[in-house]
Amino acid sequence: LERRKRVFVPIQGEIPSPLNPPSGCTFHPRCPHAMPRCREEVPPLEAIAPGHWSACHLNHTAA
């Protein structure tokens, strides 16, 4: 059987300190799609598909 290969692209930037995390979404300093809301509000963790969870304010935006 042929297996699908997945390529994971690492997020650029430094991993934030767990002792001094950034405000809002912990990924906003490294996210290329971050918006002002991301710096202020922690996004809720939501099921976006069976077995797949995401915490991102962009989950509900139109593509």
PDB file of N, CA and C in Angstrom:
ATOM      1  N   LEU A   1       0.826  -1.186   0.000  1.00  0.00           N
ATOM      2  CA  LEU A   1       0.000   0.000   0.000  1.00  0.00           C
ATOM      3  C   LEU A   1       0.867   1.246   0.000  1.00  0.00           C
ATOM      4  N   GLU A   2       0.427   2.191  -0.739  1.00  0.00           N
ATOM      5  CA  GLU A   2       1.161   3.453  -0.791  1.00  0.00           C
ATOM      6  C   GLU A   2       0.733   4.347   0.367  1.00  0.00           C
ATOM      7  N   ARG A   3       1.711   4.880   1.074  1.00  0.00           N
ATOM      8  CA  ARG A   3       1.422   5.787   2.184  1.00  0.00           C
ATOM      9  C   ARG A   3       1.561   7.224   1.699  1.00  0.00           C
ATOM     10  N   ARG A   4       0.675   8.059   2.202  1.00  0.00           N
ATOM     11  CA  ARG A   4       0.796   9.476   1.880  1.00  0.00           C
ATOM     12  C   ARG A   4       1.881  10.083   2.751  1.00  0.00           C
ATOM     13  N   LYS A   5       2.723  10.852   2.133  1.00  0.00           N
ATOM     14  CA  LYS A   5       3.768  11.541   2.872  1.00  0.00           C
ATOM     15  C   LYS A   5       3.268  12.936   3.220  1.00  0.00           C
ATOM     16  N   ARG A   6       3.465  13.316   4.474  1.00  0.00           N
ATOM     17  CA  ARG A   6       3.079  14.644   4.910  1.00  0.00           C
ATOM     18  C   ARG A   6       4.340  15.438   5.196  1.00  0.00           C
ATOM     19  N   VAL A   7       4.360  16.623   4.697  1.00  0.00           N
ATOM     20  CA  VAL A   7       5.484  17.514   4.936  1.00  0.00           C
ATOM     21  C   VAL A   7       5.034  18.550   5.963  1.00  0.00           C
ATOM     22  N   PHE A   8       5.736  18.600   7.076  1.00  0.00           N
ATOM     23  CA  PHE A   8       5.419  19.565   8.108  1.00  0.00           C
ATOM     24  C   PHE A   8       6.419  20.710   8.028  1.00  0.00           C
ATOM     25  N   VAL A   9       5.901  21.912   7.935  1.00  0.00           N
ATOM     26  CA  VAL A   9       6.741  23.099   7.866  1.00  0.00           C
ATOM     27  C   VAL A   9       6.796  23.696   9.266  1.00  0.00           C
ATOM     28  N   PRO A  10       7.992  23.833   9.838  1.00  0.00           N
ATOM     29  CA  PRO A  10       8.083  24.402  11.186  1.00  0.00           C
ATOM     30  C   PRO A  10       7.693  25.875  11.193  1.00  0.00           C
ATOM     31  N   ILE A  11       7.134  26.311  12.303  1.00  0.00           N
ATOM     32  CA  ILE A  11       6.785  27.715  12.474  1.00  0.00           C
ATOM     33  C   ILE A  11       8.073  28.486  12.756  1.00  0.00           C
ATOM     34  N   GLN A  12       8.268  29.587  12.061  1.00  0.00           N
ATOM     35  CA  GLN A  12       9.455  30.416  12.245  1.00  0.00           C
ATOM     36  C   GLN A  12       9.404  31.132  13.588  1.00  0.00           C
ATOM     37  N   GLY A  13      10.545  31.492  14.121  1.00  0.00           N
ATOM     38  CA  GLY A  13      10.625  32.274  15.340  1.00  0.00           C
ATOM     39  C   GLY A  13      10.955  31.439  16.559  1.00  0.00           C
ATOM     40  N   GLU A  14      11.032  32.107  17.684  1.00  0.00           N
ATOM     41  CA  GLU A  14      11.381  31.477  18.947  1.00  0.00           C
ATOM     42  C   GLU A  14      10.145  30.941  19.657  1.00  0.00           C
ATOM     43  N   ILE A  15      10.279  29.807  20.301  1.00  0.00           N
ATOM     44  CA  ILE A  15       9.200  29.250  21.119  1.00  0.00           C
ATOM     45  C   ILE A  15       9.088  30.122  22.363  1.00  0.00           C
ATOM     46  N   PRO A  16       7.860  30.570  22.709  1.00  0.00           N
ATOM     47  CA  PRO A  16       7.728  31.435  23.881  1.00  0.00           C
ATOM     48  C   PRO A  16       8.022  30.696  25.181  1.00  0.00           C
ATOM     49  N   SER A  17       8.465  31.447  26.157  1.00  0.00           N
ATOM     50  CA  SER A  17       8.773  30.882  27.472  1.00  0.00           C
ATOM     51  C   SER A  17       7.484  30.461  28.166  1.00  0.00           C
ATOM     52  N   PRO A  18       7.424  29.241  28.698  1.00  0.00           N
ATOM     53  CA  PRO A  18       6.233  28.836  29.453  1.00  0.00           C
ATOM     54  C   PRO A  18       6.116  29.604  30.772  1.00  0.00           C
ATOM     55  N   LEU A  19       7.219  30.207  31.231  1.00  0.00           N
ATOM     56  CA  LEU A  19       7.188  30.996  32.470  1.00  0.00           C
ATOM     57  C   LEU A  19       6.699  32.420  32.226  1.00  0.00           C
ATOM     58  N   ASN A  20       6.810  32.878  30.978  1.00  0.00           N
ATOM     59  CA  ASN A  20       6.376  34.223  30.633  1.00  0.00           C
ATOM     60  C   ASN A  20       5.758  34.206  29.230  1.00  0.00           C
ATOM     61  N   PRO A  21       4.592  33.538  29.085  1.00  0.00           N
ATOM     62  CA  PRO A  21       3.991  33.423  27.751  1.00  0.00           C
ATOM     63  C   PRO A  21       3.452  34.771  27.271  1.00  0.00           C
ATOM     64  N   PRO A  22       3.331  34.951  25.970  1.00  0.00           N
ATOM     65  CA  PRO A  22       2.767  36.200  25.446  1.00  0.00           C
ATOM     66  C   PRO A  22       1.278  36.292  25.788  1.00  0.00           C
ATOM     67  N   SER A  23       0.748  37.488  25.750  1.00  0.00           N
ATOM     68  CA  SER A  23      -0.685  37.673  25.987  1.00  0.00           C
ATOM     69  C   SER A  23      -1.471  37.103  24.809  1.00  0.00           C
ATOM     70  N   GLY A  24      -2.740  36.863  25.015  1.00  0.00           N
ATOM     71  CA  GLY A  24      -3.599  36.366  23.941  1.00  0.00           C
ATOM     72  C   GLY A  24      -3.187  34.986  23.471  1.00  0.00           C
ATOM     73  N   CYS A  25      -3.251  34.774  22.183  1.00  0.00           N
ATOM     74  CA  CYS A  25      -2.860  33.497  21.589  1.00  0.00           C
ATOM     75  C   CYS A  25      -1.350  33.321  21.713  1.00  0.00           C
ATOM     76  N   THR A  26      -0.925  32.188  22.234  1.00  0.00           N
ATOM     77  CA  THR A  26       0.510  31.979  22.425  1.00  0.00           C
ATOM     78  C   THR A  26       1.281  31.876  21.108  1.00  0.00           C
ATOM     79  N   PHE A  27       0.590  31.691  19.984  1.00  0.00           N
ATOM     80  CA  PHE A  27       1.265  31.602  18.691  1.00  0.00           C
ATOM     81  C   PHE A  27       1.355  32.945  17.969  1.00  0.00           C
ATOM     82  N   HIS A  28       0.694  33.991  18.474  1.00  0.00           N
ATOM     83  CA  HIS A  28       0.650  35.237  17.698  1.00  0.00           C
ATOM     84  C   HIS A  28       2.019  35.836  17.369  1.00  0.00           C
ATOM     85  N   PRO A  29       3.053  35.718  18.220  1.00  0.00           N
ATOM     86  CA  PRO A  29       4.340  36.290  17.813  1.00  0.00           C
ATOM     87  C   PRO A  29       4.973  35.595  16.597  1.00  0.00           C
ATOM     88  N   ARG A  30       4.567  34.345  16.332  1.00  0.00           N
ATOM     89  CA  ARG A  30       5.169  33.588  15.224  1.00  0.00           C
ATOM     90  C   ARG A  30       4.207  33.342  14.074  1.00  0.00           C
ATOM     91  N   CYS A  31       2.961  33.794  14.208  1.00  0.00           N
ATOM     92  CA  CYS A  31       1.934  33.498  13.201  1.00  0.00           C
ATOM     93  C   CYS A  31       1.912  34.560  12.106  1.00  0.00           C
ATOM     94  N   PRO A  32       2.029  34.159  10.842  1.00  0.00           N
ATOM     95  CA  PRO A  32       1.994  35.136   9.754  1.00  0.00           C
ATOM     96  C   PRO A  32       0.599  35.711   9.527  1.00  0.00           C
ATOM     97  N   HIS A  33      -0.440  35.128  10.160  1.00  0.00           N
ATOM     98  CA  HIS A  33      -1.817  35.589   9.980  1.00  0.00           C
ATOM     99  C   HIS A  33      -2.352  36.304  11.213  1.00  0.00           C
ATOM    100  N   ALA A  34      -1.488  36.583  12.192  1.00  0.00           N
ATOM    101  CA  ALA A  34      -1.922  37.215  13.444  1.00  0.00           C
ATOM    102  C   ALA A  34      -2.544  38.580  13.179  1.00  0.00           C
ATOM    103  N   MET A  35      -3.576  38.875  13.941  1.00  0.00           N
ATOM    104  CA  MET A  35      -4.265  40.160  13.855  1.00  0.00           C
ATOM    105  C   MET A  35      -4.353  40.726  15.270  1.00  0.00           C
ATOM    106  N   PRO A  36      -4.753  41.971  15.444  1.00  0.00           N
ATOM    107  CA  PRO A  36      -4.790  42.558  16.784  1.00  0.00           C
ATOM    108  C   PRO A  36      -5.542  41.712  17.815  1.00  0.00           C
ATOM    109  N   ARG A  37      -6.625  41.104  17.430  1.00  0.00           N
ATOM    110  CA  ARG A  37      -7.402  40.261  18.341  1.00  0.00           C
ATOM    111  C   ARG A  37      -6.553  39.129  18.932  1.00  0.00           C
ATOM    112  N   CYS A  38      -5.633  38.610  18.155  1.00  0.00           N
ATOM    113  CA  CYS A  38      -4.786  37.501  18.606  1.00  0.00           C
ATOM    114  C   CYS A  38      -3.874  37.911  19.762  1.00  0.00           C
ATOM    115  N   ARG A  39      -3.496  39.168  19.800  1.00  0.00           N
ATOM    116  CA  ARG A  39      -2.629  39.676  20.866  1.00  0.00           C
ATOM    117  C   ARG A  39      -3.401  39.889  22.168  1.00  0.00           C
ATOM    118  N   GLU A  40      -4.722  39.975  22.074  1.00  0.00           N
ATOM    119  CA  GLU A  40      -5.546  40.326  23.226  1.00  0.00           C
ATOM    120  C   GLU A  40      -6.359  39.164  23.801  1.00  0.00           C
ATOM    121  N   GLU A  41      -6.874  38.289  22.947  1.00  0.00           N
ATOM    122  CA  GLU A  41      -7.784  37.230  23.376  1.00  0.00           C
ATOM    123  C   GLU A  41      -7.209  35.837  23.119  1.00  0.00           C
ATOM    124  N   VAL A  42      -7.357  34.954  24.100  1.00  0.00           N
ATOM    125  CA  VAL A  42      -6.977  33.546  23.907  1.00  0.00           C
ATOM    126  C   VAL A  42      -8.108  32.886  23.133  1.00  0.00           C
ATOM    127  N   PRO A  43      -7.830  32.289  21.989  1.00  0.00           N
ATOM    128  CA  PRO A  43      -8.901  31.638  21.224  1.00  0.00           C
ATOM    129  C   PRO A  43      -9.354  30.350  21.911  1.00  0.00           C
ATOM    130  N   PRO A  44     -10.654  30.032  21.822  1.00  0.00           N
ATOM    131  CA  PRO A  44     -11.142  28.798  22.447  1.00  0.00           C
ATOM    132  C   PRO A  44     -10.710  27.564  21.657  1.00  0.00           C
ATOM    133  N   LEU A  45     -10.487  26.475  22.364  1.00  0.00           N
ATOM    134  CA  LEU A  45     -10.156  25.199  21.724  1.00  0.00           C
ATOM    135  C   LEU A  45     -11.455  24.600  21.205  1.00  0.00           C
ATOM    136  N   GLU A  46     -11.487  24.290  19.916  1.00  0.00           N
ATOM    137  CA  GLU A  46     -12.699  23.785  19.278  1.00  0.00           C
ATOM    138  C   GLU A  46     -12.401  22.565  18.411  1.00  0.00           C
ATOM    139  N   ALA A  47     -13.367  21.656  18.367  1.00  0.00           N
ATOM    140  CA  ALA A  47     -13.275  20.529  17.443  1.00  0.00           C
ATOM    141  C   ALA A  47     -13.631  21.062  16.061  1.00  0.00           C
ATOM    142  N   ILE A  48     -12.711  20.919  15.115  1.00  0.00           N
ATOM    143  CA  ILE A  48     -12.965  21.415  13.764  1.00  0.00           C
ATOM    144  C   ILE A  48     -13.274  20.282  12.787  1.00  0.00           C
ATOM    145  N   ALA A  49     -12.984  19.061  13.199  1.00  0.00           N
ATOM    146  CA  ALA A  49     -13.288  17.859  12.424  1.00  0.00           C
ATOM    147  C   ALA A  49     -13.147  16.692  13.404  1.00  0.00           C
ATOM    148  N   PRO A  50     -13.709  15.538  13.091  1.00  0.00           N
ATOM    149  CA  PRO A  50     -13.564  14.400  14.004  1.00  0.00           C
ATOM    150  C   PRO A  50     -12.093  14.107  14.314  1.00  0.00           C
ATOM    151  N   GLY A  51     -11.736  14.215  15.590  1.00  0.00           N
ATOM    152  CA  GLY A  51     -10.368  13.944  16.014  1.00  0.00           C
ATOM    153  C   GLY A  51      -9.389  15.084  15.787  1.00  0.00           C
ATOM    154  N   HIS A  52      -9.863  16.245  15.345  1.00  0.00           N
ATOM    155  CA  HIS A  52      -8.992  17.394  15.066  1.00  0.00           C
ATOM    156  C   HIS A  52      -9.475  18.603  15.851  1.00  0.00           C
ATOM    157  N   TRP A  53      -8.556  19.198  16.609  1.00  0.00           N
ATOM    158  CA  TRP A  53      -8.857  20.336  17.462  1.00  0.00           C
ATOM    159  C   TRP A  53      -7.991  21.515  17.055  1.00  0.00           C
ATOM    160  N   SER A  54      -8.521  22.711  17.246  1.00  0.00           N
ATOM    161  CA  SER A  54      -7.782  23.920  16.903  1.00  0.00           C
ATOM    162  C   SER A  54      -8.198  25.052  17.840  1.00  0.00           C
ATOM    163  N   ALA A  55      -7.248  25.886  18.178  1.00  0.00           N
ATOM    164  CA  ALA A  55      -7.524  27.105  18.942  1.00  0.00           C
ATOM    165  C   ALA A  55      -7.004  28.267  18.110  1.00  0.00           C
ATOM    166  N   CYS A  56      -7.876  28.838  17.282  1.00  0.00           N
ATOM    167  CA  CYS A  56      -7.475  29.919  16.391  1.00  0.00           C
ATOM    168  C   CYS A  56      -8.686  30.787  16.085  1.00  0.00           C
ATOM    169  N   HIS A  57      -8.494  32.098  16.127  1.00  0.00           N
ATOM    170  CA  HIS A  57      -9.586  33.018  15.793  1.00  0.00           C
ATOM    171  C   HIS A  57      -9.957  32.920  14.318  1.00  0.00           C
ATOM    172  N   LEU A  58      -9.099  32.364  13.500  1.00  0.00           N
ATOM    173  CA  LEU A  58      -9.373  32.260  12.069  1.00  0.00           C
ATOM    174  C   LEU A  58     -10.193  31.025  11.694  1.00  0.00           C
ATOM    175  N   ASN A  59     -10.547  30.191  12.673  1.00  0.00           N
ATOM    176  CA  ASN A  59     -11.328  28.984  12.371  1.00  0.00           C
ATOM    177  C   ASN A  59     -12.659  29.300  11.702  1.00  0.00           C
ATOM    178  N   HIS A  60     -13.214  30.462  11.986  1.00  0.00           N
ATOM    179  CA  HIS A  60     -14.550  30.784  11.476  1.00  0.00           C
ATOM    180  C   HIS A  60     -14.545  31.840  10.382  1.00  0.00           C
ATOM    181  N   THR A  61     -13.387  32.124   9.826  1.00  0.00           N
ATOM    182  CA  THR A  61     -13.341  33.101   8.742  1.00  0.00           C
ATOM    183  C   THR A  61     -13.475  32.387   7.407  1.00  0.00           C
ATOM    184  N   ALA A  62     -14.042  33.055   6.448  1.00  0.00           N
ATOM    185  CA  ALA A  62     -14.193  32.471   5.105  1.00  0.00           C
ATOM    186  C   ALA A  62     -12.842  32.435   4.416  1.00  0.00           C
ATOM    187  N   ALA A  63     -12.581  31.356   3.721  1.00  0.00           N
ATOM    188  CA  ALA A  63     -11.301  31.213   3.007  1.00  0.00           C
ATOM    189  C   ALA A  63     -11.342  31.905   1.679  1.00  0.00           C
TER     190      ALA A  63
END
